[in-house]
Every structure is written in structure tokens, then in C-alpha cells.
Amino acid sequence: MPKKVDHHERRTLIADALMRVAAERGLEEVSLRHVATEAGVSSGMVQHYFRTKDEMMMFALEVVYENVQARIAADVDTLGDSPAPRELARALLIQLLPVDEPRMQEGRVALAFSAYAAVKPAIASGLREDTTQIREFLAQQIRLGQAAGTASSDVDPTKAATGLLALVEGLALHVIGEYYQPEVALSVFEAHLDQLFGPPPAS
């Protein structure tokens, strides 16, 4: 009986290789040939699954999002049945900070994608939509915190969410650029959460 091929697994293998090439050498080095070599497959196999570089890039970005969402879900599962708004906001945003090697690699790729998207309207549209969804989620957590009396009542939720996301993205950029260490970015992030939501409850 012919062996059943898991096409999603193969596409993910190729996307993971693309991310390694992009993280280590930059998007300018991403090509069907380089990705095939990194993945240990033939160029023909890469072309079978992705007709263009843009298709390959879009799928790689989807893989990054899937990885991030899986980690967020795992973190939320540890928070109990009724996590506080601060905890939910933290569970999302901590995944955007490059505080370990997987997130550092994803951060480098995300930075490269942002530059790539500047001249690719289809990719830019997807990135804008994702950013809008994150901001809306954060704004909702701030509203819930305000209603519960655990978040600052002096802030506009949408503006505060925009600032919080911008802070995390800026911290991530500086860590990737090695302006300071991940623990510095983490401490600044936690301090900002404390200002917005109050300190976390004592263990």
C-alpha cells in the first residue's frame, strides 16, 4: 500500500525551514533553493507546495501565528477557570517578547515580514487585521478590568491598548537588536502592566 503523505506536515516542514533562513540570514536570502536545502528536500518538492515565494511566505507567517496561539492557549490553561483581565493580557503579550530562543527566532522573522509587507499589499492587509484583533482584545481586557475595579479608570481602553501593544513591539525590537537583555524588557513590560492593571495577586 502506498505511504500516505501528510501534506500539511510537509508544508510546515518547508515553512519552518523558511523561518530559519529568514531568522539567520534575512528575507533577501529566502528562495526556493535555499529553503529546500535548509529543509533537506528537493526544490521540486518546494515548488509542488508553493508556486511563488509569496505563497511560501504567507504560509510561514501562518505557522508563526499557530505556534504563538498554541503557547497562549497553554498559558491560559494554567490560569484557572476565571483568569483576570491582567493575566489574559499578559498571556497574549508575553508571547510577542523574545525572551527565549523560539520567540527570538519568531521575532526576527516578524521583523523581516514587516519590511517585506511594506511592498506587498496582500501580506500587509493580513498583518493589519491581526494587529487590529490584538488591540481589540487588549482593549476589552482593560474595559473588563475597569468594570471590576482592577484597571486604571483614567485611561481610554483603545488608546491604552494601542500604547501597550506598541510598547511590547518596541521592546521586542530592542531585544532583537541587542540594545538590552530580555530580562530588562520583561521587567519594563511587567511594570507597565502594574501601572495599567495593578500588580498581580499574591500567590
N, C-alpha and C. Protein backbone atom coordinates (compact mmCIF):
# COMPACT_ATOMS: atom_id res chain seq x y z
N MET A 1 0.85 -1.19 0.00
CA MET A 1 0.00 0.00 0.00
C MET A 1 0.89 1.24 0.00
N PRO A 2 0.61 2.21 -0.87
CA PRO A 2 1.42 3.43 -0.91
C PRO A 2 1.36 4.17 0.42
N LYS A 3 2.49 4.76 0.79
CA LYS A 3 2.55 5.50 2.04
C LYS A 3 1.72 6.77 1.93
N LYS A 4 0.88 7.02 2.94
CA LYS A 4 0.06 8.21 2.95
C LYS A 4 0.91 9.43 3.28
N VAL A 5 0.80 10.45 2.45
CA VAL A 5 1.61 11.66 2.63
C VAL A 5 0.82 12.69 3.43
N ASP A 6 1.43 13.21 4.48
CA ASP A 6 0.82 14.28 5.26
C ASP A 6 1.26 15.61 4.66
N HIS A 7 0.40 16.17 3.83
CA HIS A 7 0.78 17.38 3.09
C HIS A 7 0.96 18.58 4.01
N HIS A 8 0.12 18.68 5.04
CA HIS A 8 0.29 19.80 5.97
C HIS A 8 1.63 19.70 6.69
N GLU A 9 2.02 18.48 7.05
CA GLU A 9 3.31 18.29 7.72
C GLU A 9 4.45 18.72 6.81
N ARG A 10 4.36 18.36 5.52
CA ARG A 10 5.42 18.75 4.59
C ARG A 10 5.47 20.26 4.40
N ARG A 11 4.29 20.87 4.28
CA ARG A 11 4.26 22.32 4.12
C ARG A 11 4.82 23.01 5.37
N THR A 12 4.51 22.47 6.53
CA THR A 12 5.03 23.04 7.77
C THR A 12 6.54 22.85 7.87
N LEU A 13 7.04 21.71 7.42
CA LEU A 13 8.48 21.47 7.38
C LEU A 13 9.18 22.53 6.53
N ILE A 14 8.59 22.83 5.39
CA ILE A 14 9.16 23.84 4.49
C ILE A 14 9.07 25.22 5.12
N ALA A 15 7.92 25.52 5.74
CA ALA A 15 7.75 26.82 6.37
C ALA A 15 8.74 27.01 7.52
N ASP A 16 8.97 25.97 8.30
CA ASP A 16 9.95 26.05 9.39
C ASP A 16 11.35 26.33 8.84
N ALA A 17 11.67 25.70 7.72
CA ALA A 17 12.97 25.95 7.10
C ALA A 17 13.07 27.39 6.62
N LEU A 18 11.98 27.89 6.04
CA LEU A 18 11.96 29.29 5.59
C LEU A 18 12.23 30.22 6.78
N MET A 19 11.59 29.95 7.91
CA MET A 19 11.77 30.81 9.08
C MET A 19 13.20 30.78 9.58
N ARG A 20 13.84 29.61 9.52
CA ARG A 20 15.24 29.53 9.95
C ARG A 20 16.13 30.34 9.02
N VAL A 21 15.89 30.23 7.73
CA VAL A 21 16.68 31.01 6.76
C VAL A 21 16.47 32.50 6.99
N ALA A 22 15.20 32.92 7.16
CA ALA A 22 14.89 34.33 7.36
C ALA A 22 15.49 34.86 8.65
N ALA A 23 15.40 34.06 9.73
CA ALA A 23 15.91 34.50 11.02
C ALA A 23 17.43 34.61 11.03
N GLU A 24 18.09 33.68 10.35
CA GLU A 24 19.55 33.63 10.40
C GLU A 24 20.23 34.49 9.34
N ARG A 25 19.56 34.62 8.15
CA ARG A 25 20.23 35.31 7.04
C ARG A 25 19.43 36.44 6.43
N GLY A 26 18.19 36.63 6.87
CA GLY A 26 17.36 37.70 6.33
C GLY A 26 16.49 37.23 5.17
N LEU A 27 15.41 37.96 4.94
CA LEU A 27 14.47 37.56 3.90
C LEU A 27 15.06 37.63 2.50
N GLU A 28 16.06 38.44 2.32
CA GLU A 28 16.67 38.53 0.99
C GLU A 28 17.32 37.21 0.59
N GLU A 29 17.64 36.36 1.57
CA GLU A 29 18.23 35.06 1.28
C GLU A 29 17.18 33.96 1.10
N VAL A 30 15.91 34.31 1.30
CA VAL A 30 14.86 33.32 1.14
C VAL A 30 14.59 33.08 -0.34
N SER A 31 14.79 31.86 -0.77
CA SER A 31 14.49 31.45 -2.14
C SER A 31 14.07 29.99 -2.10
N LEU A 32 13.45 29.52 -3.16
CA LEU A 32 13.05 28.12 -3.20
C LEU A 32 14.24 27.20 -2.99
N ARG A 33 15.37 27.55 -3.59
CA ARG A 33 16.56 26.70 -3.49
C ARG A 33 17.11 26.68 -2.07
N HIS A 34 17.24 27.88 -1.45
CA HIS A 34 17.79 27.95 -0.10
C HIS A 34 16.88 27.26 0.92
N VAL A 35 15.58 27.45 0.75
CA VAL A 35 14.63 26.83 1.67
C VAL A 35 14.65 25.32 1.50
N ALA A 36 14.73 24.85 0.27
CA ALA A 36 14.77 23.40 0.03
C ALA A 36 16.02 22.79 0.68
N THR A 37 17.15 23.46 0.54
CA THR A 37 18.38 22.97 1.15
C THR A 37 18.26 22.91 2.66
N GLU A 38 17.70 23.96 3.26
CA GLU A 38 17.53 24.01 4.72
C GLU A 38 16.58 22.93 5.20
N ALA A 39 15.54 22.65 4.41
CA ALA A 39 14.54 21.65 4.80
C ALA A 39 15.00 20.23 4.50
N GLY A 40 16.05 20.10 3.69
CA GLY A 40 16.53 18.77 3.32
C GLY A 40 15.63 18.08 2.31
N VAL A 41 15.00 18.88 1.46
CA VAL A 41 14.13 18.32 0.41
C VAL A 41 14.56 18.91 -0.93
N SER A 42 13.91 18.45 -1.99
CA SER A 42 14.26 18.95 -3.32
C SER A 42 13.54 20.26 -3.61
N SER A 43 14.12 21.05 -4.52
CA SER A 43 13.46 22.29 -4.94
C SER A 43 12.11 21.98 -5.59
N GLY A 44 12.04 20.82 -6.25
CA GLY A 44 10.79 20.42 -6.88
C GLY A 44 9.68 20.22 -5.87
N MET A 45 10.03 19.66 -4.69
CA MET A 45 9.01 19.47 -3.66
C MET A 45 8.50 20.82 -3.16
N VAL A 46 9.43 21.76 -2.96
CA VAL A 46 9.01 23.09 -2.50
C VAL A 46 8.07 23.72 -3.53
N GLN A 47 8.42 23.61 -4.81
CA GLN A 47 7.58 24.19 -5.86
C GLN A 47 6.24 23.48 -5.97
N HIS A 48 6.20 22.21 -5.58
CA HIS A 48 4.94 21.47 -5.61
C HIS A 48 3.93 22.06 -4.63
N TYR A 49 4.44 22.51 -3.49
CA TYR A 49 3.55 23.03 -2.45
C TYR A 49 3.36 24.54 -2.52
N PHE A 50 4.34 25.24 -3.05
CA PHE A 50 4.26 26.70 -3.11
C PHE A 50 4.68 27.16 -4.51
N ARG A 51 3.72 27.75 -5.22
CA ARG A 51 4.02 28.18 -6.58
C ARG A 51 4.90 29.41 -6.62
N THR A 52 4.77 30.26 -5.60
CA THR A 52 5.54 31.50 -5.56
C THR A 52 6.15 31.70 -4.19
N LYS A 53 7.11 32.60 -4.14
CA LYS A 53 7.73 32.95 -2.86
C LYS A 53 6.70 33.56 -1.92
N ASP A 54 5.78 34.37 -2.45
CA ASP A 54 4.76 34.99 -1.61
C ASP A 54 3.89 33.94 -0.93
N GLU A 55 3.51 32.89 -1.66
CA GLU A 55 2.71 31.82 -1.06
C GLU A 55 3.47 31.15 0.09
N MET A 56 4.74 30.94 -0.12
CA MET A 56 5.57 30.32 0.90
C MET A 56 5.69 31.23 2.12
N MET A 57 5.85 32.52 1.89
CA MET A 57 5.97 33.48 2.98
C MET A 57 4.67 33.56 3.78
N MET A 58 3.54 33.59 3.10
CA MET A 58 2.26 33.68 3.79
C MET A 58 2.03 32.45 4.67
N PHE A 59 2.37 31.28 4.16
CA PHE A 59 2.17 30.07 4.95
C PHE A 59 3.10 30.06 6.16
N ALA A 60 4.33 30.51 5.98
CA ALA A 60 5.27 30.58 7.10
C ALA A 60 4.74 31.50 8.19
N LEU A 61 4.14 32.62 7.78
CA LEU A 61 3.57 33.53 8.76
C LEU A 61 2.41 32.87 9.51
N GLU A 62 1.62 32.07 8.80
CA GLU A 62 0.53 31.33 9.45
C GLU A 62 1.09 30.35 10.49
N VAL A 63 2.21 29.73 10.17
CA VAL A 63 2.83 28.79 11.11
C VAL A 63 3.28 29.52 12.38
N VAL A 64 3.85 30.71 12.21
CA VAL A 64 4.25 31.51 13.37
C VAL A 64 3.04 31.79 14.25
N TYR A 65 1.94 32.20 13.63
CA TYR A 65 0.73 32.51 14.40
C TYR A 65 0.19 31.27 15.11
N GLU A 66 0.24 30.14 14.43
CA GLU A 66 -0.22 28.89 15.06
C GLU A 66 0.63 28.55 16.28
N ASN A 67 1.95 28.73 16.15
CA ASN A 67 2.83 28.46 17.28
C ASN A 67 2.53 29.38 18.46
N VAL A 68 2.34 30.66 18.15
CA VAL A 68 2.05 31.64 19.20
C VAL A 68 0.71 31.32 19.87
N GLN A 69 -0.30 31.01 19.05
CA GLN A 69 -1.63 30.72 19.61
C GLN A 69 -1.58 29.47 20.49
N ALA A 70 -0.80 28.48 20.09
CA ALA A 70 -0.69 27.26 20.90
C ALA A 70 -0.07 27.57 22.26
N ARG A 71 0.96 28.43 22.28
CA ARG A 71 1.59 28.79 23.55
C ARG A 71 0.65 29.62 24.42
N ILE A 72 -0.11 30.52 23.79
CA ILE A 72 -1.07 31.32 24.54
C ILE A 72 -2.11 30.41 25.18
N ALA A 73 -2.64 29.47 24.41
CA ALA A 73 -3.65 28.54 24.94
C ALA A 73 -3.09 27.74 26.10
N ALA A 74 -1.84 27.30 25.98
CA ALA A 74 -1.22 26.53 27.06
C ALA A 74 -1.07 27.39 28.32
N ASP A 75 -0.69 28.66 28.14
CA ASP A 75 -0.55 29.56 29.29
C ASP A 75 -1.90 29.82 29.95
N VAL A 76 -2.93 30.06 29.12
CA VAL A 76 -4.26 30.35 29.66
C VAL A 76 -4.79 29.16 30.44
N ASP A 77 -4.47 27.96 29.98
CA ASP A 77 -4.93 26.75 30.67
C ASP A 77 -4.41 26.67 32.10
N THR A 78 -3.28 27.30 32.36
CA THR A 78 -2.69 27.26 33.71
C THR A 78 -3.28 28.32 34.63
N LEU A 79 -4.14 29.21 34.08
CA LEU A 79 -4.65 30.33 34.86
C LEU A 79 -5.94 30.03 35.61
N GLY A 80 -6.49 28.84 35.40
CA GLY A 80 -7.73 28.51 36.09
C GLY A 80 -8.96 28.84 35.27
N ASP A 81 -10.11 28.71 35.90
CA ASP A 81 -11.39 28.86 35.18
C ASP A 81 -11.76 30.31 34.90
N SER A 82 -11.33 31.23 35.74
CA SER A 82 -11.73 32.64 35.58
C SER A 82 -10.51 33.55 35.68
N PRO A 83 -9.65 33.52 34.66
CA PRO A 83 -8.45 34.36 34.73
C PRO A 83 -8.80 35.84 34.70
N ALA A 84 -8.02 36.61 35.42
CA ALA A 84 -8.23 38.06 35.47
C ALA A 84 -7.81 38.70 34.15
N PRO A 85 -8.38 39.87 33.83
CA PRO A 85 -8.00 40.56 32.59
C PRO A 85 -6.49 40.79 32.46
N ARG A 86 -5.84 41.13 33.58
CA ARG A 86 -4.39 41.33 33.53
C ARG A 86 -3.68 40.06 33.09
N GLU A 87 -4.12 38.93 33.62
CA GLU A 87 -3.47 37.66 33.29
C GLU A 87 -3.67 37.31 31.82
N LEU A 88 -4.87 37.58 31.28
CA LEU A 88 -5.13 37.28 29.88
C LEU A 88 -4.31 38.18 28.96
N ALA A 89 -4.24 39.46 29.32
CA ALA A 89 -3.43 40.38 28.51
C ALA A 89 -1.96 39.96 28.53
N ARG A 90 -1.48 39.58 29.72
CA ARG A 90 -0.09 39.15 29.84
C ARG A 90 0.17 37.87 29.04
N ALA A 91 -0.77 36.91 29.11
CA ALA A 91 -0.60 35.65 28.40
C ALA A 91 -0.44 35.86 26.90
N LEU A 92 -1.15 36.85 26.37
CA LEU A 92 -1.00 37.17 24.94
C LEU A 92 0.32 37.88 24.66
N LEU A 93 0.58 38.96 25.38
CA LEU A 93 1.70 39.82 25.04
C LEU A 93 3.06 39.20 25.34
N ILE A 94 3.13 38.33 26.35
CA ILE A 94 4.42 37.72 26.68
C ILE A 94 4.93 36.88 25.51
N GLN A 95 4.01 36.40 24.67
CA GLN A 95 4.43 35.60 23.52
C GLN A 95 5.06 36.44 22.42
N LEU A 96 4.88 37.75 22.49
CA LEU A 96 5.47 38.65 21.50
C LEU A 96 6.84 39.16 21.92
N LEU A 97 7.23 38.88 23.16
CA LEU A 97 8.54 39.31 23.64
C LEU A 97 9.57 38.20 23.42
N PRO A 98 10.69 38.49 22.78
CA PRO A 98 11.69 37.45 22.50
C PRO A 98 12.54 37.12 23.72
N VAL A 99 11.92 36.45 24.69
CA VAL A 99 12.61 36.15 25.95
C VAL A 99 13.23 34.75 25.95
N ASP A 100 13.06 33.99 24.86
CA ASP A 100 13.74 32.71 24.72
C ASP A 100 14.03 32.51 23.23
N GLU A 101 14.73 31.43 22.90
CA GLU A 101 15.20 31.25 21.53
C GLU A 101 14.07 31.10 20.51
N PRO A 102 13.02 30.30 20.77
CA PRO A 102 11.93 30.22 19.79
C PRO A 102 11.29 31.56 19.51
N ARG A 103 11.05 32.34 20.57
CA ARG A 103 10.43 33.65 20.38
C ARG A 103 11.40 34.66 19.76
N MET A 104 12.69 34.47 20.01
CA MET A 104 13.68 35.33 19.36
C MET A 104 13.67 35.08 17.85
N GLN A 105 13.63 33.81 17.45
CA GLN A 105 13.57 33.48 16.03
C GLN A 105 12.30 34.03 15.39
N GLU A 106 11.17 33.84 16.07
CA GLU A 106 9.92 34.36 15.54
C GLU A 106 9.94 35.88 15.46
N GLY A 107 10.58 36.52 16.43
CA GLY A 107 10.67 37.97 16.41
C GLY A 107 11.47 38.48 15.23
N ARG A 108 12.58 37.80 14.94
CA ARG A 108 13.39 38.19 13.78
C ARG A 108 12.58 38.02 12.49
N VAL A 109 11.85 36.92 12.41
CA VAL A 109 11.04 36.67 11.22
C VAL A 109 9.93 37.71 11.10
N ALA A 110 9.26 38.01 12.22
CA ALA A 110 8.18 39.00 12.20
C ALA A 110 8.71 40.36 11.76
N LEU A 111 9.91 40.73 12.23
CA LEU A 111 10.50 41.99 11.84
C LEU A 111 10.79 42.01 10.34
N ALA A 112 11.33 40.91 9.85
CA ALA A 112 11.60 40.82 8.41
C ALA A 112 10.30 40.86 7.60
N PHE A 113 9.26 40.20 8.09
CA PHE A 113 7.98 40.21 7.40
C PHE A 113 7.40 41.61 7.33
N SER A 114 7.57 42.40 8.38
CA SER A 114 7.04 43.75 8.38
C SER A 114 7.65 44.57 7.26
N ALA A 115 8.96 44.43 7.07
CA ALA A 115 9.62 45.13 5.98
C ALA A 115 9.16 44.59 4.62
N TYR A 116 9.02 43.29 4.53
CA TYR A 116 8.57 42.66 3.29
C TYR A 116 7.15 43.10 2.94
N ALA A 117 6.29 43.22 3.98
CA ALA A 117 4.89 43.57 3.76
C ALA A 117 4.72 45.00 3.28
N ALA A 118 5.73 45.83 3.52
CA ALA A 118 5.62 47.23 3.12
C ALA A 118 5.41 47.40 1.62
N VAL A 119 5.85 46.43 0.84
CA VAL A 119 5.69 46.50 -0.62
C VAL A 119 4.81 45.35 -1.13
N LYS A 120 4.12 44.66 -0.21
CA LYS A 120 3.25 43.54 -0.57
C LYS A 120 1.87 43.78 0.04
N PRO A 121 0.96 44.44 -0.69
CA PRO A 121 -0.35 44.81 -0.12
C PRO A 121 -1.12 43.64 0.48
N ALA A 122 -1.08 42.48 -0.14
CA ALA A 122 -1.85 41.33 0.35
C ALA A 122 -1.35 40.89 1.73
N ILE A 123 -0.03 40.86 1.88
CA ILE A 123 0.55 40.47 3.17
C ILE A 123 0.32 41.56 4.21
N ALA A 124 0.47 42.82 3.80
CA ALA A 124 0.26 43.94 4.72
C ALA A 124 -1.17 43.95 5.25
N SER A 125 -2.13 43.60 4.41
CA SER A 125 -3.52 43.56 4.83
C SER A 125 -3.73 42.55 5.95
N GLY A 126 -3.13 41.38 5.82
CA GLY A 126 -3.25 40.36 6.85
C GLY A 126 -2.62 40.79 8.16
N LEU A 127 -1.46 41.45 8.09
CA LEU A 127 -0.79 41.92 9.29
C LEU A 127 -1.62 42.98 10.00
N ARG A 128 -2.24 43.89 9.22
CA ARG A 128 -3.08 44.93 9.82
C ARG A 128 -4.28 44.31 10.53
N GLU A 129 -4.86 43.31 9.92
CA GLU A 129 -6.02 42.65 10.53
C GLU A 129 -5.64 41.98 11.84
N ASP A 130 -4.49 41.32 11.86
CA ASP A 130 -4.03 40.66 13.09
C ASP A 130 -3.78 41.68 14.19
N THR A 131 -3.16 42.81 13.82
CA THR A 131 -2.88 43.85 14.81
C THR A 131 -4.18 44.43 15.37
N THR A 132 -5.16 44.63 14.50
CA THR A 132 -6.45 45.15 14.95
C THR A 132 -7.10 44.20 15.94
N GLN A 133 -7.04 42.91 15.67
CA GLN A 133 -7.65 41.93 16.57
C GLN A 133 -6.96 41.93 17.93
N ILE A 134 -5.63 42.05 17.94
CA ILE A 134 -4.89 42.08 19.21
C ILE A 134 -5.27 43.32 20.00
N ARG A 135 -5.32 44.47 19.34
CA ARG A 135 -5.69 45.72 20.03
C ARG A 135 -7.09 45.62 20.61
N GLU A 136 -8.02 45.06 19.85
CA GLU A 136 -9.39 44.95 20.34
C GLU A 136 -9.47 44.01 21.55
N PHE A 137 -8.70 42.93 21.51
CA PHE A 137 -8.69 42.01 22.65
C PHE A 137 -8.14 42.71 23.89
N LEU A 138 -7.04 43.44 23.73
CA LEU A 138 -6.43 44.14 24.86
C LEU A 138 -7.37 45.22 25.40
N ALA A 139 -8.02 45.95 24.49
CA ALA A 139 -8.96 46.99 24.93
C ALA A 139 -10.10 46.37 25.73
N GLN A 140 -10.56 45.20 25.30
CA GLN A 140 -11.64 44.52 26.03
C GLN A 140 -11.19 44.11 27.43
N GLN A 141 -9.94 43.63 27.56
CA GLN A 141 -9.44 43.26 28.88
C GLN A 141 -9.33 44.48 29.79
N ILE A 142 -8.95 45.61 29.22
CA ILE A 142 -8.86 46.84 30.01
C ILE A 142 -10.26 47.27 30.47
N ARG A 143 -11.24 47.18 29.57
CA ARG A 143 -12.62 47.51 29.95
C ARG A 143 -13.12 46.60 31.08
N LEU A 144 -12.83 45.30 30.95
CA LEU A 144 -13.25 44.36 31.99
C LEU A 144 -12.56 44.67 33.31
N GLY A 145 -11.28 45.02 33.23
CA GLY A 145 -10.55 45.39 34.44
C GLY A 145 -11.12 46.65 35.07
N GLN A 146 -11.48 47.62 34.25
CA GLN A 146 -12.08 48.85 34.78
C GLN A 146 -13.42 48.55 35.45
N ALA A 147 -14.22 47.69 34.82
CA ALA A 147 -15.53 47.34 35.39
C ALA A 147 -15.37 46.62 36.73
N ALA A 148 -14.29 45.85 36.85
CA ALA A 148 -14.05 45.11 38.09
C ALA A 148 -13.28 45.93 39.12
N GLY A 149 -12.86 47.13 38.72
CA GLY A 149 -12.11 47.99 39.63
C GLY A 149 -10.65 47.61 39.78
N THR A 150 -10.14 46.80 38.83
CA THR A 150 -8.74 46.36 38.91
C THR A 150 -7.84 47.01 37.86
N ALA A 151 -8.42 47.82 36.97
CA ALA A 151 -7.63 48.53 35.96
C ALA A 151 -7.85 50.02 36.13
N SER A 152 -6.88 50.81 35.70
CA SER A 152 -6.97 52.26 35.83
C SER A 152 -8.22 52.78 35.14
N SER A 153 -8.96 53.59 35.85
CA SER A 153 -10.18 54.17 35.27
C SER A 153 -9.89 55.46 34.52
N ASP A 154 -8.64 55.90 34.56
CA ASP A 154 -8.27 57.19 33.96
C ASP A 154 -7.81 57.06 32.51
N VAL A 155 -7.90 55.87 31.94
CA VAL A 155 -7.38 55.68 30.58
C VAL A 155 -8.51 55.31 29.63
N ASP A 156 -8.33 55.69 28.38
CA ASP A 156 -9.22 55.23 27.32
C ASP A 156 -8.77 53.84 26.91
N PRO A 157 -9.63 52.82 26.97
CA PRO A 157 -9.20 51.45 26.70
C PRO A 157 -8.53 51.25 25.35
N THR A 158 -9.08 51.87 24.31
CA THR A 158 -8.49 51.69 22.98
C THR A 158 -7.11 52.32 22.89
N LYS A 159 -6.98 53.54 23.43
CA LYS A 159 -5.67 54.20 23.40
C LYS A 159 -4.66 53.45 24.27
N ALA A 160 -5.12 52.98 25.43
CA ALA A 160 -4.22 52.25 26.31
C ALA A 160 -3.78 50.93 25.67
N ALA A 161 -4.69 50.26 24.98
CA ALA A 161 -4.34 49.01 24.28
C ALA A 161 -3.35 49.27 23.17
N THR A 162 -3.54 50.37 22.44
CA THR A 162 -2.61 50.73 21.37
C THR A 162 -1.22 50.99 21.94
N GLY A 163 -1.17 51.72 23.04
CA GLY A 163 0.11 52.01 23.67
C GLY A 163 0.79 50.78 24.22
N LEU A 164 -0.01 49.88 24.81
CA LEU A 164 0.55 48.66 25.38
C LEU A 164 1.16 47.77 24.30
N LEU A 165 0.44 47.62 23.19
CA LEU A 165 0.97 46.82 22.09
C LEU A 165 2.21 47.46 21.49
N ALA A 166 2.18 48.79 21.33
CA ALA A 166 3.35 49.49 20.78
C ALA A 166 4.56 49.33 21.70
N LEU A 167 4.32 49.37 23.01
CA LEU A 167 5.42 49.18 23.97
C LEU A 167 6.05 47.81 23.79
N VAL A 168 5.22 46.77 23.73
CA VAL A 168 5.75 45.41 23.60
C VAL A 168 6.49 45.24 22.29
N GLU A 169 5.95 45.77 21.21
CA GLU A 169 6.63 45.64 19.92
C GLU A 169 7.95 46.40 19.92
N GLY A 170 7.98 47.56 20.58
CA GLY A 170 9.23 48.32 20.68
C GLY A 170 10.25 47.60 21.54
N LEU A 171 9.81 47.03 22.65
CA LEU A 171 10.72 46.26 23.49
C LEU A 171 11.28 45.07 22.73
N ALA A 172 10.41 44.39 21.97
CA ALA A 172 10.87 43.24 21.18
C ALA A 172 11.93 43.66 20.17
N LEU A 173 11.70 44.79 19.51
CA LEU A 173 12.67 45.29 18.53
C LEU A 173 14.02 45.56 19.18
N HIS A 174 14.01 46.14 20.38
CA HIS A 174 15.26 46.46 21.06
C HIS A 174 15.98 45.21 21.55
N VAL A 175 15.24 44.22 21.97
CA VAL A 175 15.88 42.96 22.39
C VAL A 175 16.50 42.27 21.19
N ILE A 176 15.78 42.23 20.07
CA ILE A 176 16.32 41.62 18.85
C ILE A 176 17.59 42.34 18.41
N GLY A 177 17.60 43.67 18.56
CA GLY A 177 18.78 44.45 18.20
C GLY A 177 19.88 44.41 19.24
N GLU A 178 19.63 43.70 20.35
CA GLU A 178 20.58 43.54 21.45
C GLU A 178 20.94 44.88 22.11
N TYR A 179 19.94 45.79 22.16
CA TYR A 179 20.16 47.03 22.89
C TYR A 179 20.16 46.76 24.39
N TYR A 180 19.38 45.77 24.80
CA TYR A 180 19.41 45.31 26.19
C TYR A 180 18.91 43.88 26.24
N GLN A 181 19.04 43.28 27.42
CA GLN A 181 18.75 41.87 27.58
C GLN A 181 17.23 41.63 27.74
N PRO A 182 16.77 40.41 27.43
CA PRO A 182 15.35 40.10 27.55
C PRO A 182 14.77 40.38 28.93
N GLU A 183 15.55 40.13 29.99
CA GLU A 183 15.02 40.35 31.33
C GLU A 183 14.72 41.82 31.60
N VAL A 184 15.47 42.72 30.95
CA VAL A 184 15.18 44.16 31.09
C VAL A 184 13.84 44.48 30.45
N ALA A 185 13.64 43.97 29.23
CA ALA A 185 12.36 44.19 28.55
C ALA A 185 11.21 43.60 29.35
N LEU A 186 11.43 42.44 29.94
CA LEU A 186 10.37 41.79 30.71
C LEU A 186 10.01 42.62 31.95
N SER A 187 11.01 43.17 32.61
CA SER A 187 10.74 43.97 33.81
C SER A 187 9.99 45.25 33.47
N VAL A 188 10.33 45.87 32.33
CA VAL A 188 9.63 47.08 31.89
C VAL A 188 8.18 46.74 31.53
N PHE A 189 7.99 45.63 30.85
CA PHE A 189 6.65 45.17 30.48
C PHE A 189 5.80 44.93 31.73
N GLU A 190 6.35 44.22 32.69
CA GLU A 190 5.60 43.93 33.92
C GLU A 190 5.26 45.21 34.67
N ALA A 191 6.19 46.16 34.70
CA ALA A 191 5.94 47.43 35.40
C ALA A 191 4.79 48.19 34.73
N HIS A 192 4.74 48.14 33.40
CA HIS A 192 3.67 48.83 32.68
C HIS A 192 2.32 48.16 32.95
N LEU A 193 2.32 46.81 32.99
CA LEU A 193 1.08 46.10 33.34
C LEU A 193 0.62 46.49 34.74
N ASP A 194 1.57 46.63 35.68
CA ASP A 194 1.22 47.02 37.04
C ASP A 194 0.56 48.41 37.06
N GLN A 195 1.08 49.33 36.25
CA GLN A 195 0.51 50.67 36.20
C GLN A 195 -0.91 50.66 35.63
N LEU A 196 -1.13 49.78 34.65
CA LEU A 196 -2.41 49.74 33.96
C LEU A 196 -3.46 48.90 34.70
N PHE A 197 -3.03 47.72 35.17
CA PHE A 197 -3.96 46.77 35.79
C PHE A 197 -3.79 46.62 37.29
N GLY A 198 -2.73 47.19 37.83
CA GLY A 198 -2.40 46.90 39.21
C GLY A 198 -1.51 45.67 39.28
N PRO A 199 -0.81 45.45 40.39
CA PRO A 199 0.09 44.29 40.49
C PRO A 199 -0.71 43.00 40.49
N PRO A 200 -0.05 41.91 40.11
CA PRO A 200 -0.74 40.61 40.11
C PRO A 200 -1.08 40.21 41.54
N PRO A 201 -2.14 39.40 41.70
CA PRO A 201 -2.49 38.95 43.05
C PRO A 201 -1.37 38.10 43.65
N ALA A 202 -1.22 38.17 44.94
CA ALA A 202 -0.19 37.38 45.62
C ALA A 202 -0.48 35.91 45.45
N SER A 203 0.60 35.13 45.29
CA SER A 203 0.42 33.68 45.12
C SER A 203 -0.13 33.08 46.41
